[in-house]
Amino acid sequence: MEKGKNVNTRKKTVNKDHMGVTSIANQLKDMAGSLERDLRFFYI
């Protein structure tokens, strides 16, 4: 029983980490997008 419990909690942690990575990637994408807009604004 204990072994099964450990596997379960580990899976939950991995999912949480994956969600964190995804949100960080989205934030980076947003930052890159706003940087691109700023650069375009300066070039015009």
C-alpha atoms as a PDB file:
ATOM      1  CA  MET A   1       0.000   0.000   0.000  1.00  0.00           C
ATOM      2  CA  GLU A   2       2.732   2.477   0.979  1.00  0.00           C
ATOM      3  CA  LYS A   3       4.635   2.007  -2.273  1.00  0.00           C
ATOM      4  CA  GLY A   4       1.513   2.768  -4.304  1.00  0.00           C
ATOM      5  CA  LYS A   5       0.917   5.915  -2.262  1.00  0.00           C
ATOM      6  CA  ASN A   6       4.443   7.144  -2.938  1.00  0.00           C
ATOM      7  CA  VAL A   7       4.077   6.655  -6.680  1.00  0.00           C
ATOM      8  CA  ASN A   8       0.809   8.587  -6.603  1.00  0.00           C
ATOM      9  CA  THR A   9       2.267  11.596  -4.790  1.00  0.00           C
ATOM     10  CA  ARG A  10       5.272  11.602  -7.093  1.00  0.00           C
ATOM     11  CA  LYS A  11       2.969  11.766 -10.137  1.00  0.00           C
ATOM     12  CA  LYS A  12       1.128  14.751  -8.643  1.00  0.00           C
ATOM     13  CA  THR A  13       4.424  16.573  -8.082  1.00  0.00           C
ATOM     14  CA  VAL A  14       5.524  15.936 -11.665  1.00  0.00           C
ATOM     15  CA  ASN A  15       2.217  17.316 -12.946  1.00  0.00           C
ATOM     16  CA  LYS A  16       2.636  20.411 -10.783  1.00  0.00           C
ATOM     17  CA  ASP A  17       6.184  20.921 -12.100  1.00  0.00           C
ATOM     18  CA  HIS A  18       4.956  20.475 -15.667  1.00  0.00           C
ATOM     19  CA  MET A  19       2.279  23.127 -15.116  1.00  0.00           C
ATOM     20  CA  GLY A  20       4.929  25.457 -13.696  1.00  0.00           C
ATOM     21  CA  VAL A  21       7.168  24.931 -16.713  1.00  0.00           C
ATOM     22  CA  THR A  22       4.246  25.570 -19.062  1.00  0.00           C
ATOM     23  CA  SER A  23       3.288  28.824 -17.351  1.00  0.00           C
ATOM     24  CA  ILE A  24       6.936  29.974 -17.359  1.00  0.00           C
ATOM     25  CA  ALA A  25       7.146  29.197 -21.085  1.00  0.00           C
ATOM     26  CA  ASN A  26       3.955  31.198 -21.679  1.00  0.00           C
ATOM     27  CA  GLN A  27       5.339  34.124 -19.675  1.00  0.00           C
ATOM     28  CA  LEU A  28       8.543  34.031 -21.736  1.00  0.00           C
ATOM     29  CA  LYS A  29       6.480  33.982 -24.933  1.00  0.00           C
ATOM     30  CA  ASP A  30       4.505  37.016 -23.719  1.00  0.00           C
ATOM     31  CA  MET A  31       7.733  38.825 -22.826  1.00  0.00           C
ATOM     32  CA  ALA A  32       9.235  38.036 -26.221  1.00  0.00           C
ATOM     33  CA  GLY A  33       6.061  39.260 -27.908  1.00  0.00           C
ATOM     34  CA  SER A  34       6.048  42.568 -26.016  1.00  0.00           C
ATOM     35  CA  LEU A  35       9.786  43.007 -26.690  1.00  0.00           C
ATOM     36  CA  GLU A  36       9.130  42.481 -30.375  1.00  0.00           C
ATOM     37  CA  ARG A  37       6.377  45.117 -30.297  1.00  0.00           C
ATOM     38  CA  ASP A  38       8.686  47.567 -28.495  1.00  0.00           C
ATOM     39  CA  LEU A  39      11.447  46.992 -31.058  1.00  0.00           C
ATOM     40  CA  ARG A  40       9.034  47.535 -33.950  1.00  0.00           C
ATOM     41  CA  PHE A  41       7.844  50.735 -32.307  1.00  0.00           C
ATOM     42  CA  PHE A  42      11.422  52.013 -32.018  1.00  0.00           C
ATOM     43  CA  TYR A  43      12.302  51.096 -35.603  1.00  0.00           C
ATOM     44  CA  ILE A  44       9.313  52.890 -37.125  1.00  0.00           C
END
